[in-house]
Amino acid sequence: MSTKFSFQKGYRARAVFVILNTIFFIFMMVCMIVPILKILSDSLMNHTVYGMQLIPDEFNPIAYSYIFTRDSLRRPLVISIYTTLLTTILGLLISTIGAYILIQREMPGVKFFGYMLMFTMIFNGGLIPTFLVIKKMGLLNTLWAVILPMSLNVSNLVLMRSFFEGLPTSLFEAAEIDGCTPIGTFIKIVLPLSKAALASIGLFFAVAAWSEYFHYVMYISDTSKYNFQYKLRDLFADKQEAMEGIQINLKTLQSAAIIVSIVPFMFIYPFCQKYFMTGITMGAVKE
């Protein structure tokens, strides 16, 4: 009798938890979706709207047309896309090759280089030394001053190494017996098994590069090389300058720029979700 009572009590407690958990996530979903709908609605109406109007009373895509046709906003958008793609590709290339090298236990000095990389995660040279290094390399006022520093991410390299270490050692041994070179093992075995890790870390690189603002402020003075996030900041910070030559309601243009800046990853996340959920646990289970 007591066992049956305990089972019923546990079942009820679980049912209450599921109900409360569902209510909580519905509340969180509403809190996230409502502001997006508000901004989307404002971006389609070429007049100032006060209050929480989630459905536009008109459909006027003039702000989006302005963003994609006027060079003042189209060029920064193209720069953002270019730097995001190049940073992601270069970052994945450096992280995967570096991680694969660090799991080669027989290579002389591999532990030393591993410790040195870990040291840079805790300590760095500081803002001024980093600026001087970028200047000495001749990268000031070029997009490489943004791309290269963001591609060299030790945290992502360590995550990739953890995933590689979680791969069964029998695969490496079998490849070696079959006469496969280390590079061949990397290309034919390691990379095909690392889709989850590549998707997760690639997403980290892409989000960071797309949202980047600080590096443009520090290393680039040519306004023609600023990205979309920098231009978005100008739309909100300097309203008088932003409105010069614009026949569009400023709030409409601001809302459309926000939607354009968040839409790419709203479409990317669903396709990467199955890999991302696997990738966040990479290296947690080892053979």
Protein backbone atom coordinates (compact mmCIF):
# COMPACT_ATOMS: atom_id res chain seq x y z
CA MET A 1 0.00 0.00 0.00
CA SER A 2 2.82 2.37 0.92
CA THR A 3 4.60 1.54 -2.35
CA LYS A 4 1.48 2.39 -4.36
CA PHE A 5 1.05 5.64 -2.42
CA SER A 6 4.69 6.61 -3.06
CA PHE A 7 4.27 5.87 -6.77
CA GLN A 8 1.15 8.04 -6.99
CA LYS A 9 2.87 10.84 -5.06
CA GLY A 10 5.87 10.72 -7.37
CA TYR A 11 3.64 10.71 -10.46
CA ARG A 12 1.71 13.75 -9.22
CA ALA A 13 4.92 15.60 -8.39
CA ARG A 14 6.25 14.91 -11.89
CA ALA A 15 2.97 16.04 -13.47
CA VAL A 16 3.08 19.31 -11.48
CA PHE A 17 6.70 19.85 -12.56
CA VAL A 18 5.85 19.29 -16.23
CA ILE A 19 2.93 21.74 -16.03
CA LEU A 20 4.98 24.44 -14.28
CA ASN A 21 7.89 23.87 -16.65
CA THR A 22 5.59 24.23 -19.66
CA ILE A 23 4.06 27.44 -18.30
CA PHE A 24 7.51 28.86 -17.61
CA PHE A 25 8.79 28.17 -21.13
CA ILE A 26 5.62 29.54 -22.71
CA PHE A 27 6.12 32.71 -20.69
CA MET A 28 9.76 32.94 -21.79
CA MET A 29 8.76 32.34 -25.41
CA VAL A 30 6.19 35.16 -25.26
CA CYS A 31 8.78 37.50 -23.70
CA MET A 32 11.12 36.83 -26.62
CA ILE A 33 8.62 36.81 -29.49
CA VAL A 34 6.56 39.88 -28.57
CA PRO A 35 9.48 42.38 -28.84
CA ILE A 36 10.47 40.88 -32.21
CA LEU A 37 6.91 41.18 -33.49
CA LYS A 38 6.77 44.78 -32.25
CA ILE A 39 9.99 45.69 -34.09
CA LEU A 40 8.83 43.86 -37.23
CA SER A 41 5.53 45.74 -37.15
CA ASP A 42 7.30 49.10 -36.72
CA SER A 43 9.63 48.32 -39.62
CA LEU A 44 6.68 47.95 -42.01
CA MET A 45 4.99 51.25 -41.13
CA ASN A 46 6.56 54.50 -42.29
CA HIS A 47 5.29 56.50 -39.34
CA THR A 48 5.89 56.59 -35.61
CA VAL A 49 3.71 54.21 -33.63
CA TYR A 50 3.27 54.44 -29.88
CA GLY A 51 2.15 51.54 -27.75
CA MET A 52 2.33 47.78 -28.28
CA GLN A 53 1.06 47.42 -31.85
CA LEU A 54 2.07 43.93 -33.03
CA ILE A 55 0.18 43.96 -36.34
CA PRO A 56 1.05 46.74 -38.82
CA ASP A 57 -1.82 48.83 -40.12
CA GLU A 58 0.00 49.15 -43.45
CA PHE A 59 2.57 47.18 -45.43
CA ASN A 60 5.33 49.55 -46.50
CA PRO A 61 8.75 47.90 -47.04
CA ILE A 62 10.43 51.20 -47.93
CA ALA A 63 12.94 50.87 -45.07
CA TYR A 64 14.10 47.44 -46.29
CA SER A 65 14.34 48.80 -49.83
CA TYR A 66 16.51 51.63 -48.52
CA ILE A 67 18.84 49.24 -46.66
CA PHE A 68 19.44 47.01 -49.69
CA THR A 69 19.65 49.76 -52.32
CA ARG A 70 21.46 52.66 -50.64
CA ASP A 71 25.23 52.28 -50.43
CA SER A 72 25.37 53.86 -46.96
CA LEU A 73 23.72 50.77 -45.45
CA ARG A 74 24.17 48.14 -48.16
CA ARG A 75 27.97 48.34 -48.08
CA PRO A 76 28.22 47.79 -44.28
CA LEU A 77 25.83 44.84 -44.65
CA VAL A 78 28.05 43.30 -47.35
CA ILE A 79 31.11 43.88 -45.15
CA SER A 80 29.40 42.11 -42.25
CA ILE A 81 28.55 39.12 -44.44
CA TYR A 82 32.08 39.00 -45.88
CA THR A 83 33.88 39.23 -42.53
CA THR A 84 31.50 36.72 -40.92
CA LEU A 85 32.03 34.10 -43.63
CA LEU A 86 35.79 34.59 -43.78
CA THR A 87 36.20 34.63 -39.98
CA THR A 88 34.13 31.46 -39.62
CA ILE A 89 36.02 29.57 -42.33
CA LEU A 90 39.45 30.70 -41.14
CA GLY A 91 38.55 30.14 -37.48
CA LEU A 92 37.35 26.59 -38.16
CA LEU A 93 40.48 25.86 -40.20
CA ILE A 94 42.80 27.07 -37.43
CA SER A 95 40.81 25.42 -34.63
CA THR A 96 40.52 22.01 -36.28
CA ILE A 97 44.15 21.81 -37.41
CA GLY A 98 45.42 23.14 -34.07
CA ALA A 99 43.22 20.74 -32.09
CA TYR A 100 44.31 17.77 -34.19
CA ILE A 101 47.96 18.65 -33.62
CA LEU A 102 47.43 18.92 -29.85
CA ILE A 103 46.07 15.36 -29.62
CA GLN A 104 49.25 13.94 -31.19
CA ARG A 105 50.79 12.70 -27.94
CA GLU A 106 53.94 11.46 -29.64
CA MET A 107 54.83 14.89 -31.05
CA PRO A 108 57.68 16.59 -29.12
CA GLY A 109 56.60 19.67 -27.18
CA VAL A 110 52.86 19.11 -27.59
CA LYS A 111 52.21 19.53 -23.85
CA PHE A 112 54.25 22.73 -23.73
CA PHE A 113 52.27 24.27 -26.61
CA GLY A 114 49.04 23.11 -24.99
CA TYR A 115 49.95 24.84 -21.73
CA MET A 116 50.99 28.00 -23.57
CA LEU A 117 47.65 28.15 -25.33
CA MET A 118 45.81 27.63 -22.07
CA PHE A 119 47.90 30.44 -20.53
CA THR A 120 46.60 32.89 -23.14
CA MET A 121 43.03 32.12 -22.06
CA ILE A 122 43.82 33.54 -18.62
CA PHE A 123 46.36 36.27 -19.38
CA ASN A 124 46.81 38.46 -22.45
CA GLY A 125 49.09 41.29 -23.46
CA GLY A 126 46.48 43.97 -22.93
CA LEU A 127 44.81 46.50 -25.18
CA ILE A 128 47.80 48.72 -26.00
CA PRO A 129 50.28 45.89 -26.79
CA THR A 130 47.65 44.24 -28.98
CA PHE A 131 47.10 47.51 -30.83
CA LEU A 132 50.87 47.90 -31.35
CA VAL A 133 51.12 44.35 -32.71
CA ILE A 134 48.29 45.01 -35.18
CA LYS A 135 50.02 48.25 -36.20
CA LYS A 136 53.45 46.61 -36.67
CA MET A 137 51.87 43.93 -38.84
CA GLY A 138 50.45 46.65 -41.09
CA LEU A 139 46.85 45.60 -40.50
CA LEU A 140 45.50 48.91 -39.23
CA ASN A 141 42.57 50.23 -41.25
CA THR A 142 42.08 46.88 -43.00
CA LEU A 143 39.42 44.22 -42.47
CA TRP A 144 42.17 41.74 -41.56
CA ALA A 145 42.57 43.64 -38.29
CA VAL A 146 39.09 42.33 -37.46
CA ILE A 147 39.22 38.91 -39.13
CA LEU A 148 42.56 37.58 -37.85
CA PRO A 149 42.13 38.32 -34.10
CA MET A 150 38.64 36.84 -34.11
CA SER A 151 39.81 33.72 -35.96
CA LEU A 152 42.41 32.97 -33.28
CA ASN A 153 40.07 31.82 -30.53
CA VAL A 154 41.77 29.49 -28.05
CA SER A 155 38.52 28.61 -26.27
CA ASN A 156 37.07 27.16 -29.46
CA LEU A 157 40.34 25.35 -30.16
CA VAL A 158 40.22 23.73 -26.71
CA LEU A 159 36.61 22.67 -27.26
CA MET A 160 37.57 21.09 -30.57
CA ARG A 161 40.49 19.29 -28.96
CA SER A 162 38.17 17.90 -26.29
CA PHE A 163 35.90 16.54 -29.01
CA PHE A 164 38.80 14.97 -30.91
CA GLU A 165 40.04 13.34 -27.69
CA GLY A 166 36.59 11.79 -27.26
CA LEU A 167 36.84 9.92 -30.56
CA PRO A 168 37.62 6.19 -30.17
CA THR A 169 41.36 5.54 -30.32
CA SER A 170 40.62 2.34 -32.23
CA LEU A 171 39.71 4.47 -35.27
CA PHE A 172 43.15 6.09 -35.28
CA GLU A 173 44.85 2.74 -34.76
CA ALA A 174 42.87 1.13 -37.60
CA ALA A 175 43.70 4.02 -39.93
CA GLU A 176 47.38 3.74 -39.06
CA ILE A 177 47.36 -0.03 -39.71
CA ASP A 178 45.73 0.58 -43.10
CA GLY A 179 48.60 2.91 -43.98
CA CYS A 180 46.72 6.17 -43.67
CA THR A 181 48.92 9.21 -43.03
CA PRO A 182 48.08 11.65 -40.19
CA ILE A 183 46.75 14.14 -42.72
CA GLY A 184 44.68 11.42 -44.39
CA THR A 185 43.29 10.36 -41.01
CA PHE A 186 42.36 13.97 -40.30
CA ILE A 187 40.56 14.46 -43.63
CA LYS A 188 38.96 11.04 -44.11
CA ILE A 189 38.09 10.05 -40.53
CA VAL A 190 38.27 12.91 -38.03
CA LEU A 191 36.45 15.64 -39.97
CA PRO A 192 33.51 13.46 -41.14
CA LEU A 193 32.92 12.42 -37.51
CA SER A 194 33.11 16.01 -36.27
CA LYS A 195 30.01 17.53 -37.89
CA ALA A 196 28.48 18.38 -34.52
CA ALA A 197 31.64 20.05 -33.26
CA LEU A 198 32.17 21.93 -36.53
CA ALA A 199 28.56 23.19 -36.53
CA SER A 200 28.74 24.32 -32.90
CA ILE A 201 32.09 26.05 -33.08
CA GLY A 202 31.30 27.49 -36.50
CA LEU A 203 28.17 28.99 -34.98
CA PHE A 204 30.26 30.53 -32.17
CA PHE A 205 32.61 32.12 -34.71
CA ALA A 206 29.76 33.34 -36.92
CA VAL A 207 27.74 34.94 -34.11
CA ALA A 208 30.83 36.68 -32.70
CA ALA A 209 31.92 37.98 -36.11
CA TRP A 210 28.42 39.14 -37.09
CA SER A 211 27.96 41.02 -33.81
CA GLU A 212 31.47 42.50 -33.68
CA TYR A 213 31.80 46.20 -32.92
CA PHE A 214 34.86 46.76 -30.73
CA HIS A 215 37.53 45.79 -33.29
CA TYR A 216 36.12 48.24 -35.82
CA VAL A 217 36.31 51.06 -33.29
CA MET A 218 39.89 50.20 -32.30
CA TYR A 219 41.60 49.34 -35.58
CA ILE A 220 39.59 50.93 -38.42
CA SER A 221 39.21 54.66 -39.06
CA ASP A 222 37.97 54.47 -42.65
CA THR A 223 34.21 54.84 -42.44
CA SER A 224 33.75 52.93 -45.71
CA LYS A 225 35.03 49.76 -43.97
CA TYR A 226 32.64 49.77 -41.02
CA ASN A 227 30.25 46.84 -40.65
CA PHE A 228 26.49 46.78 -40.29
CA GLN A 229 26.55 46.67 -36.49
CA TYR A 230 28.59 49.87 -36.38
CA LYS A 231 26.17 51.55 -38.77
CA LEU A 232 23.26 50.31 -36.67
CA ARG A 233 24.81 52.00 -33.66
CA ASP A 234 25.05 55.26 -35.64
CA LEU A 235 21.34 55.09 -36.45
CA PHE A 236 20.57 55.14 -32.73
CA ALA A 237 23.41 57.31 -31.41
CA ASP A 238 23.49 60.24 -33.84
CA LYS A 239 19.94 60.81 -35.03
CA GLN A 240 20.64 64.13 -36.74
CA GLU A 241 23.45 62.69 -38.88
CA ALA A 242 21.50 59.50 -39.56
CA MET A 243 18.52 61.44 -40.90
CA GLU A 244 20.50 63.53 -43.40
CA GLY A 245 19.20 62.78 -46.90
CA ILE A 246 16.72 60.18 -45.66
CA GLN A 247 13.02 60.44 -46.52
CA ILE A 248 12.04 57.64 -44.14
CA ASN A 249 10.79 57.72 -40.59
CA LEU A 250 13.84 57.15 -38.37
CA LYS A 251 12.09 54.65 -36.11
CA THR A 252 10.99 52.65 -39.16
CA LEU A 253 14.55 52.56 -40.48
CA GLN A 254 15.95 51.59 -37.07
CA SER A 255 13.44 48.76 -36.71
CA ALA A 256 14.17 47.45 -40.21
CA ALA A 257 17.92 47.52 -39.53
CA ILE A 258 17.40 45.51 -36.32
CA ILE A 259 15.34 42.89 -38.18
CA VAL A 260 17.99 42.60 -40.91
CA SER A 261 20.69 42.14 -38.28
CA ILE A 262 18.91 39.29 -36.46
CA VAL A 263 17.20 37.47 -39.35
CA PRO A 264 20.27 35.54 -40.63
CA PHE A 265 20.75 33.60 -37.41
CA MET A 266 17.01 33.13 -36.94
CA PHE A 267 17.20 30.96 -40.07
CA ILE A 268 20.58 29.38 -39.32
CA TYR A 269 19.81 28.16 -35.79
CA PRO A 270 16.98 25.74 -36.72
CA PHE A 271 19.17 23.99 -39.30
CA CYS A 272 22.13 23.75 -36.90
CA GLN A 273 20.10 22.85 -33.82
CA LYS A 274 20.53 19.06 -34.04
CA TYR A 275 24.29 19.45 -34.45
CA PHE A 276 24.47 22.20 -31.85
CA MET A 277 22.71 20.14 -29.16
CA THR A 278 25.21 17.33 -29.76
CA GLY A 279 28.16 19.65 -30.02
CA ILE A 280 27.63 21.38 -26.67
CA THR A 281 28.34 18.05 -24.94
CA MET A 282 31.40 17.27 -27.04
CA GLY A 283 34.22 15.76 -25.07
CA ALA A 284 31.96 14.93 -22.14
CA VAL A 285 32.05 11.17 -22.80
CA LYS A 286 35.28 9.39 -23.61
CA GLU A 287 36.07 5.83 -24.59
